Protein backbone atom coordinates (compact mmCIF):
# COMPACT_ATOMS: atom_id res chain seq x y z
CA MET A 1 7.55 12.84 -55.12
CA GLN A 2 6.08 14.36 -51.71
CA GLU A 3 4.14 10.98 -50.61
CA GLU A 4 7.13 9.33 -51.01
CA LYS A 5 9.32 12.34 -48.76
CA ALA A 6 6.37 12.17 -46.17
CA LEU A 7 6.24 8.49 -46.12
CA HIS A 8 10.00 8.69 -45.29
CA ARG A 9 9.90 11.24 -42.82
CA ARG A 10 6.78 9.09 -40.95
CA ILE A 11 9.83 5.91 -41.25
CA ARG A 12 12.45 8.22 -39.52
CA GLY A 13 10.40 9.48 -36.82
CA ARG A 14 9.61 5.75 -36.32
CA SER A 15 13.20 4.60 -36.31
CA TRP A 16 13.93 7.58 -33.67
CA THR A 17 10.65 6.16 -31.70
CA VAL A 18 12.52 2.56 -31.83
CA VAL A 19 15.75 3.62 -30.69
CA ILE A 20 15.18 6.57 -27.85
CA VAL A 21 12.70 3.78 -25.95
CA ALA A 22 15.15 1.33 -26.43
CA LEU A 23 17.32 3.06 -24.97
CA LEU A 24 15.65 4.58 -22.09
CA ILE A 25 14.02 0.75 -21.35
CA SER A 26 18.14 -0.04 -21.93
CA VAL A 27 19.34 2.46 -18.97
CA MET A 28 16.07 1.16 -16.41
CA ALA A 29 17.59 -2.17 -17.36
CA SER A 30 21.28 -1.15 -16.25
CA ALA A 31 19.86 -0.20 -13.28
CA ARG A 32 19.20 -4.01 -12.94
CA GLY A 33 15.85 -2.75 -10.46
CA ALA A 34 17.43 0.15 -9.15
CA ALA A 35 14.42 2.96 -10.07
CA MET A 36 12.27 1.35 -7.81
CA HIS A 37 9.72 3.26 -9.26
CA ASP A 38 7.03 1.58 -8.00
CA ALA A 39 8.56 1.68 -3.79
CA PRO A 40 7.51 4.22 -1.79
CA VAL A 41 10.02 6.86 0.19
CA TRP A 42 10.97 4.79 2.84
CA VAL A 43 11.86 1.66 0.76
CA ARG A 44 14.16 4.07 -1.56
CA GLY A 45 15.74 5.84 1.61
CA ALA A 46 16.74 2.21 2.55
CA GLY A 47 18.47 1.74 -0.99
CA GLY A 48 15.44 -0.80 -1.46
CA ALA A 49 16.09 -3.02 1.33
CA SER A 50 12.59 -3.69 2.55
CA PHE A 51 12.17 -4.79 6.32
CA PRO A 52 9.72 -7.58 7.53
CA LEU A 53 6.90 -4.92 8.24
CA ASP A 54 5.68 -1.83 6.00
CA GLN A 55 6.26 0.99 7.66
CA LEU A 56 2.63 1.76 8.09
CA HIS A 57 1.98 -2.00 9.66
CA VAL A 58 5.28 -0.56 11.95
CA VAL A 59 3.00 2.58 13.04
CA SER A 60 0.10 -0.24 13.71
CA VAL A 61 2.02 -2.50 15.90
CA ARG A 62 3.72 -0.02 17.86
CA ARG A 63 0.76 1.33 18.66
CA GLY A 64 -1.43 -1.77 19.16
CA SER A 65 -4.54 -0.15 17.61
CA PRO A 66 -5.94 -1.18 13.80
CA LEU A 67 -5.59 2.00 11.36
CA VAL A 68 -6.63 2.81 8.21
CA GLY A 69 -4.00 4.50 5.02
CA ILE A 70 -2.71 5.73 2.32
CA PHE A 71 0.63 7.32 1.29
CA SER A 72 1.59 8.79 -2.17
CA THR A 73 5.16 8.96 -3.56
CA PHE A 74 6.06 11.39 -6.56
CA SER A 75 9.74 11.09 -8.04
CA ARG A 76 11.80 12.10 -11.00
CA GLU A 77 14.13 9.29 -11.68
CA TYR A 78 17.66 9.98 -12.35
CA SER A 79 17.18 13.53 -13.43
CA LEU A 80 16.49 12.37 -16.83
CA PRO A 81 14.27 14.42 -18.89
CA ASP A 82 10.74 14.13 -18.72
CA LEU A 83 11.00 10.65 -16.87
CA VAL A 84 8.72 10.65 -13.45
CA ALA A 85 7.88 7.93 -11.66
CA SER A 86 4.25 8.01 -8.95
CA CYS A 87 3.78 5.41 -6.09
CA THR A 88 0.33 4.86 -4.24
CA ARG A 89 -0.49 2.33 -1.52
CA ALA A 90 -3.84 2.46 0.78
CA GLY A 91 -4.59 -0.42 2.77
CA TYR A 92 -5.55 -1.52 6.15
CA TYR A 93 -3.15 -2.55 9.13
CA SER A 94 -3.43 -3.96 12.38
CA PRO A 95 -1.10 -5.91 14.83
CA VAL A 96 -2.31 -9.27 13.66
CA HIS A 97 -2.59 -8.73 9.95
CA SER A 98 -2.94 -6.51 6.95
CA LEU A 99 -4.15 -5.97 3.33
CA TRP A 100 -3.04 -3.11 0.92
CA MET A 101 -3.22 -2.46 -2.62
CA GLY A 102 -0.57 -0.45 -4.49
CA TRP A 103 -0.54 1.11 -7.79
CA SER A 104 2.29 2.74 -9.87
CA PHE A 105 3.57 3.81 -12.69
CA LEU A 106 6.29 5.13 -14.22
CA HIS A 107 5.75 7.58 -17.51
CA HIS A 108 7.35 8.88 -20.27
CA PRO A 109 6.07 10.81 -23.43
CA LEU A 110 7.22 7.62 -25.49
CA TYR A 111 6.70 5.17 -22.63
CA ARG A 112 4.66 3.77 -19.83
CA GLU A 113 4.73 1.45 -17.05
CA ASP A 114 1.99 0.80 -14.92
CA ARG A 115 2.02 -1.47 -11.50
CA VAL A 116 -0.87 -3.30 -9.49
CA ARG A 117 0.16 -5.23 -6.56
CA VAL A 118 -1.87 -6.63 -3.68
CA SER A 119 -0.09 -8.05 -0.18
CA TYR A 120 -2.05 -9.64 2.42
CA SER A 121 -0.19 -10.71 5.27
CA ARG A 122 -0.86 -12.51 8.71
CA ARG A 123 0.79 -13.35 11.82
CA LEU A 124 0.45 -17.15 12.80
CA ALA A 125 2.01 -19.30 15.81
CA ARG A 126 1.94 -15.60 18.35
CA GLU A 127 4.84 -13.53 17.30
CA ILE A 128 7.15 -16.74 15.71
CA LEU A 129 5.62 -16.65 12.26
CA ARG A 130 3.95 -14.51 9.43
CA VAL A 131 3.39 -15.15 6.11
CA ALA A 132 2.13 -13.00 3.15
CA VAL A 133 0.43 -13.20 -0.59
CA ARG A 134 1.64 -11.31 -3.22
CA PRO A 135 -0.18 -10.96 -6.25
CA ALA A 136 1.04 -8.39 -9.15
CA ALA A 137 0.23 -7.38 -12.94
CA CYS A 138 2.30 -4.92 -14.32
CA PHE A 139 1.26 -3.12 -18.20
CA ARG A 140 3.67 -2.06 -20.87
CA GLY A 141 3.52 0.30 -24.08
CA VAL A 142 5.35 2.25 -26.29
CA GLU A 143 3.84 4.85 -29.17
CA GLY A 144 3.01 3.57 -31.69
CA TYR A 145 2.83 -0.20 -30.67
CA GLU A 146 0.56 -2.44 -28.37
CA ARG A 147 0.44 -2.65 -24.80
CA THR A 148 1.59 -5.88 -23.42
CA CYS A 149 0.51 -7.33 -19.98
CA ALA A 150 2.44 -9.62 -17.62
CA TYR A 151 1.14 -11.15 -14.15
CA GLY A 152 3.18 -12.10 -10.94
CA LEU A 153 2.62 -14.18 -7.58
CA ALA A 154 4.99 -14.27 -4.56
CA CYS A 155 4.80 -15.93 -1.27
CA ALA A 156 6.73 -14.40 1.58
CA ALA A 157 7.12 -16.48 5.32
CA PHE A 158 9.20 -14.20 8.46
CA PHE A 159 10.50 -15.85 11.12
CA SER A 160 11.39 -14.35 14.60
CA TYR A 161 11.77 -14.78 17.92
CA PRO A 162 11.44 -12.59 20.73
CA SER A 163 15.56 -10.90 20.87
CA MET A 164 16.74 -12.65 17.76
CA PRO A 165 17.15 -11.75 14.20
CA CYS A 166 14.05 -11.97 11.85
CA VAL A 167 14.43 -14.22 8.86
CA SER A 168 12.53 -13.94 5.40
CA ILE A 169 12.31 -16.08 2.42
CA GLU A 170 9.69 -15.03 -0.14
CA THR A 171 9.25 -16.57 -4.10
CA GLY A 172 7.77 -15.59 -6.70
CA TYR A 173 6.76 -15.61 -10.65
CA SER A 174 5.98 -13.72 -13.37
CA SER A 175 4.89 -13.96 -16.75
CA GLY A 176 4.96 -12.39 -19.96
CA ASP A 177 8.34 -12.25 -22.12
CA HIS A 178 10.76 -12.83 -19.42
CA LYS A 179 9.19 -15.72 -17.24
CA ARG A 180 11.39 -16.25 -14.74
CA VAL A 181 11.37 -17.23 -10.78
CA ARG A 182 11.99 -14.77 -8.30
CA LEU A 183 13.80 -15.89 -4.88
CA LYS A 184 14.56 -13.54 -2.29
CA THR A 185 16.34 -13.69 1.54
CA GLY A 186 16.25 -11.71 4.03
CA LEU A 187 17.77 -11.11 7.61
CA SER A 188 16.61 -8.29 9.92
CA ILE A 189 17.87 -7.31 13.84
CA GLU A 190 16.33 -4.63 15.97
CA ARG A 191 18.25 -3.54 18.82
CA GLY A 192 16.37 -0.21 20.63
CA PRO A 193 15.88 2.47 17.43
CA LEU A 194 17.61 1.07 15.19
CA SER A 195 16.82 -1.57 12.83
CA ALA A 196 19.09 -3.14 10.33
CA VAL A 197 18.41 -5.89 7.30
CA VAL A 198 19.77 -7.15 4.57
CA ASN A 199 18.18 -8.74 1.28
CA ARG A 200 19.65 -10.45 -1.22
CA THR A 201 17.32 -11.10 -4.60
CA MET A 202 18.11 -13.44 -7.20
CA ARG A 203 16.08 -13.77 -10.62
CA GLY A 204 16.39 -16.55 -12.48
CA MET A 205 20.36 -17.39 -13.14
CA ARG A 206 21.40 -13.87 -12.69
CA ARG A 207 23.62 -12.60 -10.51
CA GLY A 208 22.26 -12.24 -7.38
CA ASP A 209 21.10 -8.65 -5.96
CA THR A 210 22.00 -7.28 -2.35
CA CYS A 211 20.55 -4.09 -0.28
CA LEU A 212 21.84 -2.90 3.01
CA GLY A 213 19.24 -0.97 4.75
CA PHE A 214 18.99 1.21 8.20
CA ARG A 215 15.88 2.13 9.87
CA LEU A 216 16.51 4.85 12.95
CA GLU A 217 13.12 5.35 14.91
CA ALA A 218 12.95 8.68 16.27
CA TYR A 219 10.09 11.15 17.95
CA GLY A 220 7.55 8.80 18.05
CA ASP A 221 6.74 6.95 14.93
CA SER A 222 9.15 9.11 12.71
CA GLY A 223 12.47 7.75 11.63
CA PHE A 224 15.75 7.89 9.19
CA PHE A 225 16.68 5.66 6.70
CA ALA A 226 19.72 5.30 4.60
CA GLY A 227 20.84 1.97 2.28
CA TYR A 228 23.12 0.83 -0.44
CA ARG A 229 23.01 -2.01 -3.59
CA THR A 230 25.79 -3.55 -3.80
CA VAL A 231 25.43 -4.20 -7.55
CA THR A 232 24.97 -0.56 -8.56
CA GLY A 233 26.80 1.28 -5.87
CA GLU A 234 23.59 2.89 -5.30
CA ALA A 235 23.37 5.01 -2.00
CA ALA A 236 20.39 6.38 -0.64
CA LEU A 237 19.13 8.35 2.38
CA GLY A 238 15.20 8.63 3.39
CA VAL A 239 13.33 10.36 5.88
CA LEU A 240 9.82 9.96 7.23
CA PHE A 241 7.61 12.01 9.55
CA ARG A 242 4.54 11.72 11.50
CA VAL A 243 2.84 14.76 12.47
CA GLY A 244 -0.97 13.65 13.92
CA ARG A 245 -2.16 12.03 11.54
CA LEU A 246 -0.02 13.21 8.46
CA LEU A 247 3.11 11.62 7.13
CA ILE A 248 5.48 13.58 4.98
CA GLY A 249 8.42 11.88 3.37
CA PHE A 250 11.50 12.39 1.67
CA SER A 251 14.28 10.17 0.12
CA TRP A 252 17.57 11.05 -1.98
CA SER A 253 19.21 7.95 -3.76
CA TYR A 254 22.51 8.41 -6.25
CA HIS A 255 23.49 5.86 -8.87
CA PRO A 256 27.19 5.97 -10.20
CA ASN A 257 26.19 5.83 -13.56
CA LEU A 258 23.05 7.53 -14.23
CA GLY A 259 22.93 10.38 -11.54
CA LYS A 260 20.68 11.45 -8.60
CA THR A 261 16.60 10.37 -7.75
CA VAL A 262 14.94 12.68 -5.30
CA SER A 263 11.31 11.71 -3.92
CA PHE A 264 8.97 13.23 -2.14
CA GLY A 265 5.89 11.51 -0.45
CA VAL A 266 2.57 12.33 1.53
CA GLY A 267 -0.06 9.82 2.78
CA ARG A 268 -3.05 10.25 5.98
CA LEU A 269 -3.77 8.05 9.14
CA TRP A 270 -7.28 6.91 10.50
CA TRP A 271 -7.24 5.44 13.41
CA ARG A 272 -10.03 2.66 14.44
CA GLN A 273 -11.70 5.24 16.11
CA ASP A 274 -11.98 7.46 13.48
CA VAL A 275 -12.84 4.76 10.91
CA SER A 276 -16.20 3.30 13.24
CA SER A 277 -17.39 6.90 13.58
CA LEU A 278 -17.44 7.21 9.56
């Protein structure tokens, strides 16, 4: 009799685990990608919108000097209990090309998701064309179940001409249980210290996701960000400061149904002379 009661308790506990994890995944899915747990603060602050160049790459281009940078972002997603996320990027950036690797995780006592990404971009045809290749892997695990793995590959092209808007096209494919093709297009405009970008993403046959982001550069390489995601109604704000070789960033976003997310980030830069002296 005691063994049967213990067995029933284990079954009920396992059932509740499945229900909680399913609820957690459905909540994150209802955000339709708005969690952005694998993005640094400047992407979060822009509402998920991505500019043609990564923010660390922008610093390299503006200064006309190669650099090595690392940046980590930490957040508590939508203020949900025990749901935390982190994203770290490290790479080499120069005005001609860039290579970075990123690792991010989304953690809950009953659920764990890890993502690994690599991105390489190179400028071609002077200032007119830039291409990028981005392989990725995603690992998901639920307590009491076997971890699953999915792989993806994305290719992007950025077309720009002096004093003209920059047009970007990115297409990618991901494996796993939900095999799908992703198409992302973008249009960005830069006028002095102010930049604006519009991204449109289509995933399979689902309706599109549109992001609108703004960036205002101030005090050298520091900047302020704002963004809005139409499909979820999520608004975001962010700021990034550079003090010497140190980067400090914050972002805040609010989802009408899931609540707010507050993120904090810190990073370090090494210029070419620093790396050559090592």
